[in-house]
Amino acid sequence: MAQPLGNVATTSAEFGARPRDDELDLFGITHVGKVRLENQDHFLVATVHPELVIHETSLPTPAALPIHGTRIATVLLVADGVGGSTGGREASQLAIETIMRYVSSSLRCYHAAGSSQEDQFVNALRDAVLGAHTAVRAESAIRPEAHRMATTLTLFIAVWPWAYVVQVGDSRAYHYHGGALKQMTRDQTIAQDLVDQGVLAPDRVAKSPFSNVLASAIGAEAALPEVSRVKMDGRGVFLLCSDGLTKHVKDDEIAAELGSLKSSEQSCRKLLDLALDRGGTDNVTVIIARATTLD
């Protein structure tokens, strides 16, 4: 399950063997839905590797050198643009592009994940998300009011044996493990704030007029990144999605699909189809990641 942050001494033996690159089963899909005219969701699935760039050499077969190193991290991103104008689509795109510039330029931070210097890594993740917030706000400031930009952002980054999630908004990250589905993220909505304050019953959130009113978003007045982490053992499944999925598909249905998962692509398509069959009232984005070690 997701854990609060804090330094934990661990060894790789506690988590089993690290999945090889060819044992990762990663897939993402997005769809405009059946009501919206434009898809304002964006997603990204990537792995981070060290790479040797050869500029000149006298060697006869430079391609035989170990140019592409072993995976350092796996990165999943979902961003759901806010609002009915093109500003939402552009905000989600800009947020992901900004995050990925950080990912490709900060390899020095990855060694701190799960170590006594973990705060350095976590702070770098927060800084990356806040950098996206700054970039979106700067672009939004030069636009007319009707085209202002904002987006949710859910960033998943796995550095074996830890998976970290940074959350802004109400897109979600789930971890399915041992037959149980755990939501790693907290919806940053006014309705959820009322639940946390004891003002609103949890079972009334879906019907609350504040259920889709964001209390935090990239590019909005406030972006409040929340970080959680979970330890991996190669047996779990991770799912990221925009609220276009969770508006129509319940957690127990997501759990049932992940429990019978044969491939990430197949399950992504099944969950998407289920959301569309039930109205598809919003853009729908789904990412699933797992290791095939136990297949």
Foldseek 3Di string as FASTA:
>chain_A
DWDDDDADDDDLVVQADDFFPVQKFKDKDWDFFDAAPDALKDKDKDFDWQADDDDDDPDPCPVPDPGTGTTQKIKIKIKGKDDRDCQRSVLNVLLVVQLVVLVNPPPVLSVLPNHNNNVSNVVSNVVSNVSSLVVLLVVQVVDPPNNRIWIWMWMWMCGPFKIKIKTWAAWWKWKADPLDIDTNDDHQWPLSVCVVVVNDPPVCLLVDPGNRHGPAIRNDPHHDIDMIMDTHNQGMKMKTKGCLLVNQAPPVRLSVLRVPDPGQVVSNVVSVVRSNVRRSNGMIMMMMMGGNVPD
